[in-house]
Structures are given as C-alpha cells and as structure tokens.
C-alpha cells in the first residue's frame, strides 16, 4: 500500500501536479476571504488565457502545435476516457489477470489532426498489436467513424487512428510548380494530400513506381502530377522523359513537348524504344563505372524516366514474342536502372502476376480503386488490405484517391492526387518543352511521330471540366523565363 502511494504520483505527474495546484488555489482563495471554488475557477482560466494569447500573438504556430494538443486533451477526457473500458470489453481487447479481472489497455495519449484522432494505446500483456489491427473495424464502429487504422508505434504500443473528417472527399487542386527545379532530388515531389492533412510527397530518385487502378480511377492524376512537378527540370535538361502510350497517344500526346521520346504506334515500335532505353542505361553504367559510387543528377547525366501507360498492352496483349521482349527490357531497367538514374513508371489496370510479371521489382507501389481485396494485396503486399488499405472500397467518383506504403512503414496511408486539367498540361508543356527531342519518336514506317499526331482530347467528361487553369500563369512565365536565361 505504501509502495503504491509513493509510485502512483511518480507515474502520473500531470494528474498529481494538477491536483496539487487545485488544492493550493482553493487554500489561497480561502485565505484571502473568498470562497475556495473561486480559486479553482481562476486556475481553470489560466490555460484558457494562455492559449488565447498564443492564438492572437502567433496564429500559425498555435494552429500547428497548440490547438491539436488542446483539442486532443479535451477529446481524451470528454469523448474517449468515459467510453474506453466499454469499447475495449465489447471489442474483446481486454485481458484477464490471475484473479480473473479485466485488464483494460491504457489510453496513454490523444492527438488530433484536422482529420484524425490519434490514440496512443499501451498493449496489455497477453495481447499483441495484431489483435488491435484485427479489431480496427470494430473500433471504427464503436467510434461511429467511417475508418479506423492501427499503426505499431513500438513494442507494446500502438496508434489507433480514427477518422473524424474526410479531407479527401473533394477534388484536390494540383500542386503549384516548385520554385527550385532540383528540389525533387532531396524532397521528391508533392502529388496531393494525405488523409491526415499532410502533403503527399513521393520519392523520385532511386524508385521504380507501379500504379494500379481500375479504368477511370485517376491514374492520369498521378502520371501528370509527377511530370508537371518535374517540368522545370525537364526544360533545364536535368530530366528526360520517354513516353510509351499504347492507347494511340490519347493520354500522353497532350503534353508531348515534355517528352524527349514519345512513341504510341504499334507494339513492336514501343518495345524498340524500351530496349533502346535499356541499352542507354547499360551505356551510362559503362560511363560511370569506376568514376562515381552514387549517381547524381546533372545536365551531363540527366535523370531518365520511362513512363509506360497501360503496361499490360505490352506485357500481355501484344503477342508472345513482343511481350517477352518487353518483359526482358523492362526487367533489365528495373534490376539495374536505379543505380545510374534510369527509372520506370508503370501504370496498369490489372495487377495480376500474369499481367505484370515483374511486379515485385517495382520498389514503390500505389493502389488506386481496385475490384477485390486480393488485388489490393497484389499491389501493396500480403496483408495490406487487413492493415487498412481498402482500395477496393474507393468509390468510382473519388478519382485519384489511393493507398500507398511509405518506405520503411508497413502501414498504408490513404492519399489523393491533385487533378491537373488539360489546360494545365498544355500550359506546362508549352512553357517547359524538353531540351532534346530524340529521333526514336517515330513509327515503323519511318514517319516522325510529330507528323502523325493523334487527336488531342478535350476536357469533355473529365473532372474539373470548365475549371480555370490551376497553375498560375505568372508562375509559369517566371519559371519559363528563368529556364530560358540558363540556356
């Protein structure tokens, strides 16, 4: 009993200090002749006054740090603490001690973001983090939330994320062009928003990206989002794009001036271009061998991206001979290209192994709307659906919404890519054309690709049709002038 009396205040310093302050306020108020509860009221007003002053003096830091903590404290004690024991028992997340008593997992902390309540929970002995992962749907139902995810913080501790508001319900505007054309080297590019309100950034260097999603799920938002973000670097000669469009050029032709090579005719010509890309990769490896240990982007050694829309057209539907060539050439780049700055971006509707035989070689994968839980696991890895990647539940109207896995984190994030309109793409392509256009952009008859351009689609039927261009003209002009001055 004595040990408990000594250890409890040490284990609960905030509760102990609050109780002590309340007692002192009561005594101080009584000593000056006022009722003791006046002192308690005055004490309660202190944090309110401090927070209000903080908000008035420095609103941005208050919104970033003060308000989330204050709201988390308030929701912890008014929303979660009263219901917590009942939730844990009903969701079968309690354990029993030697005397048969229920041991309720400890709710250690609550943090709030604009969209989520994040609950730090200590896993009791006898349970595992996977127990909480399996109960995520039950916890979501108890909290009357549309979604709940569980992320492992450390051994014995998990974060339970309960969605309070869906920030991705509306179309996300396209991200403005970065002022630094080489920002992607260290920071990647921003494609949109995460469901916790943070920017969704994806790496550019050292990763091969596979994006899978059913028809009309928004693959174009991810494809063009990255290309637009890299456009200033393309115009400056630091990045070269090779576009392969098996749909007759219907997706990529609208921004064709951004591509060093653009091939859209027959499958054999497209595979020729991919093999040439792989041969260039081998040539650069010979050039850099023994000279540098790590690839660095420069005008002499630009980053080269192979962008393949509808990958299955080449790997499954092009005929066995052509498909085998495509698989070998893409496999060569996937296994060796990252080390010398040759990367692949593949977009596909059907993620099955017979459609994308080299699926496991893509180091970064994104799942847009898919049809079944098994397809989600095919893209993001076994167990991803159980851990909260519900890409099969993304509605058809939520184009550009997806799940991805962060590097080193097995827990999926829900994200939504910004939507670039056709006018955005045309404006960027006109302002930042590729410095070099390759003669391999030709069909098998020998006619230049530019001479047989496919019809460019309009915005009819696309999201945001009729909207104004989302990339400011002033920013486009300034960046274009800066690029022109460097040439």
Protein backbone atom coordinates (compact mmCIF):
# COMPACT_ATOMS: atom_id res chain seq x y z
CA UNK A 1 0.00 0.00 0.00
CA UNK A 2 2.83 2.37 0.91
CA UNK A 3 4.65 1.50 -2.33
CA UNK A 4 1.50 2.28 -4.33
CA UNK A 5 1.08 5.62 -2.55
CA UNK A 6 4.65 6.56 -3.44
CA UNK A 7 4.73 5.24 -7.01
CA UNK A 8 1.34 6.50 -8.21
CA UNK A 9 2.24 10.24 -8.12
CA UNK A 10 5.52 9.47 -9.88
CA UNK A 11 3.73 7.56 -12.63
CA UNK A 12 1.07 10.28 -13.06
CA UNK A 13 2.98 13.58 -12.74
CA UNK A 14 0.47 15.72 -14.65
CA UNK A 15 -2.51 14.49 -12.65
CA UNK A 16 -0.59 14.91 -9.41
CA UNK A 17 0.58 18.44 -10.24
CA UNK A 18 -2.92 19.46 -11.36
CA UNK A 19 -4.44 18.18 -8.12
CA UNK A 20 -1.76 19.95 -6.08
CA UNK A 21 -2.33 23.22 -7.96
CA UNK A 22 -6.07 22.93 -7.37
CA UNK A 23 -5.57 22.39 -3.65
CA UNK A 24 -3.23 25.39 -3.43
CA UNK A 25 -5.69 27.58 -5.37
CA UNK A 26 -8.50 26.54 -3.04
CA UNK A 27 -6.42 27.32 0.04
CA UNK A 28 -5.18 30.63 -1.35
CA UNK A 29 -8.69 31.77 -2.20
CA UNK A 30 -9.96 30.82 1.26
CA UNK A 31 -7.13 32.66 3.00
CA UNK A 32 -7.96 35.98 1.32
CA UNK A 33 -11.62 35.67 2.27
CA UNK A 34 -13.14 34.35 -0.93
CA UNK A 35 -14.90 31.01 -1.46
CA UNK A 36 -12.44 28.25 -2.33
CA UNK A 37 -14.12 27.47 -5.63
CA UNK A 38 -13.18 30.94 -6.87
CA UNK A 39 -9.58 29.85 -6.80
CA UNK A 40 -10.42 26.75 -8.82
CA UNK A 41 -12.21 28.86 -11.44
CA UNK A 42 -9.24 31.21 -11.66
CA UNK A 43 -6.88 28.25 -12.03
CA UNK A 44 -9.03 26.77 -14.80
CA UNK A 45 -8.97 30.09 -16.67
CA UNK A 46 -5.16 30.23 -16.73
CA UNK A 47 -4.66 27.75 -19.63
CA UNK A 48 -7.58 29.33 -21.50
CA UNK A 49 -5.96 32.76 -21.27
CA UNK A 50 -2.55 31.36 -22.24
CA UNK A 51 -3.96 29.56 -25.29
CA UNK A 52 -5.98 32.61 -26.35
CA UNK A 53 -2.91 34.80 -26.09
CA UNK A 54 -0.85 32.32 -28.08
CA UNK A 55 -3.51 32.24 -30.80
CA UNK A 56 -3.59 36.04 -31.02
CA UNK A 57 0.18 36.54 -31.00
CA UNK A 58 1.27 33.71 -33.32
CA UNK A 59 -1.70 32.09 -35.01
CA UNK A 60 0.26 29.76 -37.32
CA UNK A 61 2.25 28.07 -34.54
CA UNK A 62 -0.86 27.82 -32.39
CA UNK A 63 -2.75 26.04 -35.17
CA UNK A 64 0.19 23.72 -35.78
CA UNK A 65 1.08 22.86 -32.17
CA UNK A 66 -1.21 24.40 -29.58
CA UNK A 67 -4.69 23.67 -30.87
CA UNK A 68 -4.10 19.98 -31.75
CA UNK A 69 -2.78 19.30 -28.24
CA UNK A 70 -5.55 21.23 -26.53
CA UNK A 71 -8.21 19.53 -28.63
CA UNK A 72 -6.58 16.15 -28.01
CA UNK A 73 -6.65 16.70 -24.25
CA UNK A 74 -10.29 17.80 -24.38
CA UNK A 75 -11.44 14.88 -26.54
CA UNK A 76 -9.47 12.40 -24.46
CA UNK A 77 -11.33 13.24 -21.27
CA UNK A 78 -14.75 14.09 -22.70
CA UNK A 79 -15.09 11.57 -25.55
CA UNK A 80 -12.72 8.64 -25.20
CA UNK A 81 -11.95 8.15 -21.49
CA UNK A 82 -15.61 7.69 -20.41
CA UNK A 83 -16.31 5.10 -23.13
CA UNK A 84 -12.89 3.44 -23.26
CA UNK A 85 -13.43 0.50 -20.86
CA UNK A 86 -16.72 -0.42 -22.56
CA UNK A 87 -15.18 -0.24 -26.04
CA UNK A 88 -12.28 -2.44 -25.05
CA UNK A 89 -14.51 -5.10 -23.50
CA UNK A 90 -17.01 -5.12 -26.38
CA UNK A 91 -14.19 -5.31 -28.95
CA UNK A 92 -12.54 -8.17 -26.99
CA UNK A 93 -9.32 -6.23 -26.45
CA UNK A 94 -9.07 -6.72 -22.70
CA UNK A 95 -7.07 -9.46 -20.99
CA UNK A 96 -7.51 -11.05 -17.57
CA UNK A 97 -5.15 -11.20 -14.63
CA UNK A 98 -4.61 -14.15 -12.27
CA UNK A 99 -7.75 -13.20 -10.33
CA UNK A 100 -9.93 -13.07 -13.44
CA UNK A 101 -10.23 -9.28 -13.51
CA UNK A 102 -10.39 -7.46 -16.84
CA UNK A 103 -7.22 -5.52 -17.69
CA UNK A 104 -8.17 -2.61 -19.95
CA UNK A 105 -5.50 -1.32 -22.38
CA UNK A 106 -4.24 2.04 -21.18
CA UNK A 107 -5.17 5.09 -23.23
CA UNK A 108 -1.90 6.99 -22.90
CA UNK A 109 -2.41 9.96 -25.19
CA UNK A 110 -4.76 11.54 -27.72
CA UNK A 111 -3.53 13.74 -30.55
CA UNK A 112 -5.80 15.48 -33.05
CA UNK A 113 -5.14 16.47 -36.65
CA UNK A 114 -7.63 18.30 -38.89
CA UNK A 115 -8.95 14.90 -39.99
CA UNK A 116 -7.96 12.26 -37.42
CA UNK A 117 -7.96 11.47 -33.74
CA UNK A 118 -4.77 9.52 -32.95
CA UNK A 119 -4.94 7.43 -29.78
CA UNK A 120 -1.73 6.05 -28.29
CA UNK A 121 -2.57 2.79 -26.54
CA UNK A 122 -0.40 0.53 -24.40
CA UNK A 123 -0.96 -3.10 -25.37
CA UNK A 124 -1.59 -5.22 -22.25
CA UNK A 125 0.39 -8.37 -21.56
CA UNK A 126 -1.37 -11.26 -23.24
CA UNK A 127 -2.37 -9.24 -26.32
CA UNK A 128 -0.42 -8.28 -29.44
CA UNK A 129 -0.52 -5.30 -31.83
CA UNK A 130 -2.08 -7.63 -34.40
CA UNK A 131 -5.02 -8.08 -32.01
CA UNK A 132 -5.75 -4.37 -32.40
CA UNK A 133 -5.18 -4.46 -36.16
CA UNK A 134 -7.79 -7.22 -36.48
CA UNK A 135 -10.26 -5.20 -34.38
CA UNK A 136 -9.93 -1.97 -36.41
CA UNK A 137 -13.39 -2.28 -37.97
CA UNK A 138 -14.97 -2.91 -34.56
CA UNK A 139 -13.25 0.16 -33.08
CA UNK A 140 -14.41 2.26 -36.04
CA UNK A 141 -17.98 1.14 -35.44
CA UNK A 142 -17.72 1.92 -31.71
CA UNK A 143 -16.45 5.42 -32.51
CA UNK A 144 -19.08 5.84 -35.25
CA UNK A 145 -16.30 6.55 -37.72
CA UNK A 146 -16.00 5.58 -41.38
CA UNK A 147 -12.46 4.30 -40.95
CA UNK A 148 -10.02 3.23 -38.28
CA UNK A 149 -6.39 2.20 -38.79
CA UNK A 150 -3.89 0.77 -36.34
CA UNK A 151 -0.18 1.52 -36.62
CA UNK A 152 2.54 -0.01 -34.47
CA UNK A 153 4.46 2.68 -32.58
CA UNK A 154 6.95 0.45 -30.73
CA UNK A 155 6.88 -2.88 -28.90
CA UNK A 156 3.83 -2.77 -26.65
CA UNK A 157 2.38 0.46 -28.07
CA UNK A 158 0.08 1.19 -31.00
CA UNK A 159 -1.53 4.26 -32.51
CA UNK A 160 -5.25 3.91 -33.24
CA UNK A 161 -6.24 6.44 -35.91
CA UNK A 162 -9.95 7.26 -36.02
CA UNK A 163 -11.11 9.37 -38.94
CA UNK A 164 -13.15 12.34 -37.78
CA UNK A 165 -13.39 14.18 -41.09
CA UNK A 166 -12.62 13.20 -44.69
CA UNK A 167 -10.24 15.77 -46.17
CA UNK A 168 -10.08 13.81 -49.42
CA UNK A 169 -13.79 13.92 -50.20
CA UNK A 170 -13.37 16.84 -52.60
CA UNK A 171 -11.11 17.12 -55.63
CA UNK A 172 -7.60 18.16 -54.59
CA UNK A 173 -6.12 21.05 -56.61
CA UNK A 174 -2.88 20.44 -58.45
CA UNK A 175 0.24 21.40 -56.51
CA UNK A 176 1.93 24.63 -57.71
CA UNK A 177 5.23 24.18 -59.52
CA UNK A 178 8.26 24.13 -57.20
CA UNK A 179 10.45 27.26 -57.36
CA UNK A 180 13.60 25.10 -57.22
CA UNK A 181 13.83 22.86 -60.27
CA UNK A 182 16.12 20.42 -58.41
CA UNK A 183 14.01 20.17 -55.25
CA UNK A 184 12.94 16.66 -56.28
CA UNK A 185 16.47 15.34 -55.67
CA UNK A 186 16.20 15.63 -51.89
CA UNK A 187 12.48 16.06 -51.27
CA UNK A 188 10.70 14.18 -54.05
CA UNK A 189 7.56 15.79 -55.48
CA UNK A 190 4.20 16.62 -53.95
CA UNK A 191 1.30 14.94 -55.72
CA UNK A 192 -1.58 15.85 -53.42
CA UNK A 193 -2.77 15.32 -49.84
CA UNK A 194 -2.74 12.54 -47.28
CA UNK A 195 -5.86 11.84 -45.26
CA UNK A 196 -4.22 13.30 -42.15
CA UNK A 197 -3.92 16.68 -43.86
CA UNK A 198 -0.19 16.50 -44.58
CA UNK A 199 1.17 16.94 -48.11
CA UNK A 200 1.53 13.71 -50.05
CA UNK A 201 5.10 13.58 -51.30
CA UNK A 202 6.57 10.70 -53.27
CA UNK A 203 10.23 10.00 -53.98
CA UNK A 204 11.58 10.46 -57.49
CA UNK A 205 15.15 9.17 -57.34
CA UNK A 206 16.00 5.52 -56.69
CA UNK A 207 12.44 4.18 -57.06
CA UNK A 208 10.52 2.40 -59.79
CA UNK A 209 6.82 3.16 -59.34
CA UNK A 210 3.87 0.92 -60.22
CA UNK A 211 0.41 2.49 -60.12
CA UNK A 212 -2.54 0.10 -60.39
CA UNK A 213 -6.19 1.02 -60.63
CA UNK A 214 -9.32 0.09 -62.49
CA UNK A 215 -10.43 2.10 -65.51
CA UNK A 216 -11.29 5.74 -64.71
CA UNK A 217 -9.76 5.51 -61.23
CA UNK A 218 -7.48 8.51 -61.76
CA UNK A 219 -4.16 7.10 -62.94
CA UNK A 220 -3.68 10.21 -65.05
CA UNK A 221 -3.62 12.39 -61.93
CA UNK A 222 -0.55 10.56 -60.64
CA UNK A 223 1.08 10.33 -64.06
CA UNK A 224 0.74 14.01 -64.90
CA UNK A 225 1.22 15.17 -61.31
CA UNK A 226 4.79 13.89 -61.28
CA UNK A 227 5.55 15.06 -64.82
CA UNK A 228 4.26 18.58 -64.12
CA UNK A 229 6.30 18.80 -60.92
CA UNK A 230 9.42 17.81 -62.90
CA UNK A 231 8.70 20.12 -65.86
CA UNK A 232 11.16 22.90 -64.87
CA UNK A 233 13.90 20.26 -64.54
CA UNK A 234 12.88 18.81 -67.93
CA UNK A 235 13.26 22.20 -69.63
CA UNK A 236 16.62 22.77 -67.93
CA UNK A 237 17.96 19.41 -69.14
CA UNK A 238 18.18 17.71 -65.73
CA UNK A 239 15.37 15.23 -66.51
CA UNK A 240 14.45 13.43 -69.73
CA UNK A 241 11.13 11.68 -70.23
CA UNK A 242 10.43 8.75 -72.54
CA UNK A 243 6.70 8.26 -73.07
CA UNK A 244 5.17 4.96 -74.19
CA UNK A 245 1.44 5.26 -74.87
CA UNK A 246 -0.19 2.07 -76.20
CA UNK A 247 -3.57 3.84 -76.34
CA UNK A 248 -2.56 5.51 -79.58
CA UNK A 249 -1.22 8.56 -77.78
CA UNK A 250 -4.55 9.52 -76.25
CA UNK A 251 -3.07 10.01 -72.76
CA UNK A 252 0.38 11.47 -73.37
CA UNK A 253 0.03 13.40 -76.65
CA UNK A 254 -1.45 16.42 -74.92
CA UNK A 255 1.92 17.01 -73.23
CA UNK A 256 4.15 15.60 -75.96
CA UNK A 257 6.56 18.56 -75.91
CA UNK A 258 7.69 17.46 -72.44
CA UNK A 259 9.00 14.13 -73.77
CA UNK A 260 12.40 13.53 -75.26
CA UNK A 261 10.88 10.45 -76.90
CA UNK A 262 7.21 9.80 -77.44
CA UNK A 263 6.08 6.51 -79.01
CA UNK A 264 2.47 5.48 -79.46
CA UNK A 265 2.16 3.47 -82.67
CA UNK A 266 2.46 -0.34 -82.83
CA UNK A 267 3.70 -2.61 -80.00
CA UNK A 268 6.97 -3.51 -81.76
CA UNK A 269 7.96 0.15 -82.10
CA UNK A 270 7.18 0.74 -78.45
CA UNK A 271 9.28 -2.26 -77.41
CA UNK A 272 12.09 -0.99 -79.65
CA UNK A 273 12.03 2.26 -77.66
CA UNK A 274 12.10 0.39 -74.33
CA UNK A 275 15.05 -1.73 -75.50
CA UNK A 276 16.85 1.43 -76.62
CA UNK A 277 16.20 2.90 -73.16
CA UNK A 278 17.74 -0.21 -71.56
CA UNK A 279 20.74 0.00 -73.91
CA UNK A 280 21.28 3.65 -72.90
CA UNK A 281 21.20 2.51 -69.29
CA UNK A 282 23.96 0.00 -69.96
CA UNK A 283 26.00 2.66 -71.76
CA UNK A 284 25.72 5.02 -68.80
CA UNK A 285 26.76 2.23 -66.42
CA UNK A 286 29.90 1.78 -68.54
CA UNK A 287 30.45 5.56 -68.47
CA UNK A 288 30.15 5.88 -64.68
CA UNK A 289 31.84 2.64 -63.65
CA UNK A 290 34.89 3.44 -61.53
CA UNK A 291 34.19 7.18 -61.71
CA UNK A 292 31.48 7.70 -59.08
CA UNK A 293 29.87 5.49 -56.45
CA UNK A 294 26.48 7.20 -56.47
CA UNK A 295 24.52 8.69 -59.35
CA UNK A 296 23.98 12.45 -59.22
CA UNK A 297 21.59 14.40 -61.43
CA UNK A 298 23.30 16.84 -63.79
CA UNK A 299 22.91 18.16 -67.32
CA UNK A 300 25.61 15.72 -68.44
CA UNK A 301 23.87 12.78 -66.71
CA UNK A 302 20.17 13.65 -66.56
CA UNK A 303 17.63 11.53 -64.73
CA UNK A 304 15.71 9.46 -67.28
CA UNK A 305 12.14 8.33 -66.67
CA UNK A 306 10.41 5.67 -68.76
CA UNK A 307 6.67 6.36 -68.49
CA UNK A 308 4.52 3.45 -69.70
CA UNK A 309 0.76 3.92 -69.77
CA UNK A 310 -1.35 0.72 -69.85
CA UNK A 311 1.62 -1.57 -69.25
CA UNK A 312 -0.45 -4.73 -69.84
CA UNK A 313 -0.80 -3.84 -73.53
CA UNK A 314 2.88 -4.71 -73.96
CA UNK A 315 3.30 -7.49 -71.38
CA UNK A 316 0.13 -9.48 -72.06
CA UNK A 317 -1.78 -8.46 -75.17
CA UNK A 318 0.99 -7.70 -77.68
CA UNK A 319 1.67 -11.31 -78.69
CA UNK A 320 4.10 -13.75 -77.08
CA UNK A 321 7.25 -12.64 -78.92
CA UNK A 322 6.73 -8.92 -78.37
CA UNK A 323 5.57 -9.47 -74.77
CA UNK A 324 8.69 -11.49 -74.00
CA UNK A 325 10.90 -8.73 -75.40
CA UNK A 326 9.02 -6.10 -73.38
CA UNK A 327 9.31 -8.15 -70.19
CA UNK A 328 13.06 -8.64 -70.66
CA UNK A 329 13.75 -4.99 -71.47
CA UNK A 330 11.66 -3.61 -68.61
CA UNK A 331 13.19 -6.19 -66.26
CA UNK A 332 16.68 -5.02 -67.22
CA UNK A 333 15.83 -1.45 -66.23
CA UNK A 334 14.04 -2.47 -63.03
CA UNK A 335 17.00 -4.50 -61.81
CA UNK A 336 19.86 -2.15 -62.77
CA UNK A 337 18.48 1.26 -63.66
CA UNK A 338 18.10 2.97 -60.28
CA UNK A 339 21.85 2.96 -59.69
CA UNK A 340 22.52 5.05 -62.82
CA UNK A 341 19.42 7.26 -62.96
CA UNK A 342 17.17 5.21 -65.27
CA UNK A 343 13.73 4.70 -63.71
CA UNK A 344 10.36 3.24 -64.69
CA UNK A 345 6.85 4.50 -64.06
CA UNK A 346 4.30 1.82 -64.94
CA UNK A 347 0.52 2.26 -64.99
CA UNK A 348 -1.79 -0.73 -65.19
CA UNK A 349 -5.43 -1.71 -64.64
CA UNK A 350 -4.94 -5.40 -63.84
CA UNK A 351 -2.18 -6.06 -61.25
CA UNK A 352 -2.13 -9.85 -61.58
CA UNK A 353 1.23 -11.58 -61.96
CA UNK A 354 0.49 -12.80 -65.48
CA UNK A 355 -0.29 -9.20 -66.47
CA UNK A 356 2.73 -7.63 -64.76
CA UNK A 357 5.28 -10.45 -64.40
CA UNK A 358 7.93 -8.08 -63.00
CA UNK A 359 5.56 -6.63 -60.38
CA UNK A 360 7.84 -7.47 -57.47
CA UNK A 361 10.69 -5.40 -58.94
CA UNK A 362 8.80 -2.12 -58.57
CA UNK A 363 10.04 -0.57 -55.34
CA UNK A 364 7.16 1.87 -54.80
CA UNK A 365 3.57 0.85 -55.44
CA UNK A 366 0.32 2.76 -55.30
CA UNK A 367 -3.16 1.21 -55.31
CA UNK A 368 -5.96 3.31 -56.76
CA UNK A 369 -9.51 1.96 -56.87
CA UNK A 370 -9.42 -1.82 -57.36
CA UNK A 371 -12.06 -4.52 -57.54
CA UNK A 372 -11.15 -7.06 -54.85
CA UNK A 373 -9.16 -7.30 -51.59
CA UNK A 374 -6.82 -9.79 -53.25
CA UNK A 375 -5.89 -7.20 -55.88
CA UNK A 376 -5.01 -4.76 -53.10
CA UNK A 377 -2.61 -7.32 -51.61
CA UNK A 378 -1.15 -7.98 -55.08
CA UNK A 379 -0.17 -4.32 -55.36
CA UNK A 380 0.77 -3.35 -51.80
CA UNK A 381 1.87 -6.70 -50.43
CA UNK A 382 0.32 -9.52 -48.46
CA UNK A 383 -1.84 -8.34 -45.58
CA UNK A 384 -2.10 -4.73 -46.79
CA UNK A 385 -5.89 -4.92 -47.03
CA UNK A 386 -6.15 -6.25 -43.48
CA UNK A 387 -3.92 -3.39 -42.28
CA UNK A 388 -6.35 -0.82 -43.65
CA UNK A 389 -5.62 -0.42 -47.37
CA UNK A 390 -9.24 -0.63 -48.52
CA UNK A 391 -8.62 0.33 -52.14
CA UNK A 392 -11.45 -1.99 -53.18
CA UNK A 393 -13.84 0.33 -51.32
CA UNK A 394 -12.79 3.56 -53.07
CA UNK A 395 -15.91 4.85 -54.86
CA UNK A 396 -15.84 5.43 -58.60
CA UNK A 397 -16.35 9.17 -58.22
CA UNK A 398 -13.27 9.57 -55.96
CA UNK A 399 -10.79 9.63 -58.83
CA UNK A 400 -7.16 9.97 -57.77
CA UNK A 401 -7.80 8.52 -54.30
CA UNK A 402 -5.35 5.74 -53.46
CA UNK A 403 -3.41 3.88 -50.80
CA UNK A 404 0.35 3.76 -50.64
CA UNK A 405 3.03 2.35 -48.37
CA UNK A 406 5.68 4.71 -47.06
CA UNK A 407 9.25 3.49 -47.31
CA UNK A 408 10.05 1.50 -44.17
CA UNK A 409 6.47 1.66 -42.86
CA UNK A 410 4.22 -1.39 -43.39
CA UNK A 411 1.08 0.60 -42.58
CA UNK A 412 -0.78 2.10 -45.57
CA UNK A 413 -1.79 5.73 -45.98
CA UNK A 414 -4.84 6.97 -47.86
CA UNK A 415 -3.98 9.76 -50.27
CA UNK A 416 -5.49 11.74 -53.10
CA UNK A 417 -3.59 13.14 -56.04
CA UNK A 418 -4.23 16.63 -57.30
CA UNK A 419 -6.16 16.84 -60.54
CA UNK A 420 -4.41 18.64 -63.43
CA UNK A 421 -6.79 19.79 -66.16
CA UNK A 422 -5.96 19.51 -69.84
CA UNK A 423 -5.31 23.26 -69.85
CA UNK A 424 -2.78 22.82 -67.04
CA UNK A 425 -0.93 20.16 -69.02
CA UNK A 426 -0.91 22.22 -72.23
CA UNK A 427 0.34 25.31 -70.38
CA UNK A 428 3.18 23.43 -68.70
CA UNK A 429 4.19 21.66 -71.94
CA UNK A 430 4.30 24.99 -73.77
CA UNK A 431 6.32 26.69 -71.03
CA UNK A 432 8.78 23.87 -70.35
CA UNK A 433 9.44 21.85 -73.53
CA UNK A 434 12.07 19.15 -73.42
CA UNK A 435 15.51 20.48 -74.30
CA UNK A 436 16.22 17.50 -76.58
CA UNK A 437 13.86 15.61 -78.90
CA UNK A 438 15.03 12.16 -79.99
CA UNK A 439 14.65 10.72 -83.47
CA UNK A 440 13.39 7.45 -81.97
CA UNK A 441 10.00 9.15 -81.66
CA UNK A 442 8.87 7.55 -84.91
CA UNK A 443 6.56 4.83 -86.11
CA UNK A 444 7.75 1.80 -88.06
CA UNK A 445 7.06 3.46 -91.40
CA UNK A 446 9.80 5.97 -90.62
CA UNK A 447 7.45 8.94 -90.32
CA UNK A 448 8.29 11.20 -87.40
CA UNK A 449 5.87 10.90 -84.53
CA UNK A 450 5.25 14.64 -84.69
CA UNK A 451 3.94 14.22 -88.23
CA UNK A 452 1.20 11.78 -87.29
CA UNK A 453 -0.03 13.17 -84.00
CA UNK A 454 -3.16 11.53 -82.65
CA UNK A 455 -6.14 13.71 -81.87
CA UNK A 456 -5.76 15.58 -78.61
CA UNK A 457 -8.69 15.02 -76.30
CA UNK A 458 -10.70 17.85 -74.83
CA UNK A 459 -11.80 18.25 -71.23
CA UNK A 460 -15.25 16.92 -72.04
CA UNK A 461 -16.32 14.40 -69.44
CA UNK A 462 -13.23 14.85 -67.27
CA UNK A 463 -13.23 16.03 -63.68
CA UNK A 464 -12.94 19.75 -63.35
CA UNK A 465 -14.11 20.37 -66.93
CA UNK A 466 -14.56 24.07 -67.43
CA UNK A 467 -12.46 24.98 -64.41
CA UNK A 468 -9.80 27.63 -64.72
CA UNK A 469 -6.20 26.56 -65.06
CA UNK A 470 -4.97 25.67 -61.60
CA UNK A 471 -1.30 26.55 -62.24
CA UNK A 472 -0.90 30.36 -62.08
CA UNK A 473 0.18 31.88 -65.37
CA UNK A 474 2.56 34.23 -63.56
CA UNK A 475 4.40 31.27 -62.00
CA UNK A 476 4.64 29.51 -65.37
CA UNK A 477 6.02 32.65 -67.01
CA UNK A 478 8.58 33.29 -64.28
CA UNK A 479 9.89 29.74 -64.31
CA UNK A 480 9.97 29.67 -68.10
CA UNK A 481 11.99 32.91 -68.19
CA UNK A 482 14.44 31.55 -65.63
CA UNK A 483 14.89 28.38 -67.67
CA UNK A 484 15.39 30.36 -70.89
CA UNK A 485 18.06 32.52 -69.26
CA UNK A 486 20.06 29.44 -68.26
CA UNK A 487 20.12 28.03 -71.75
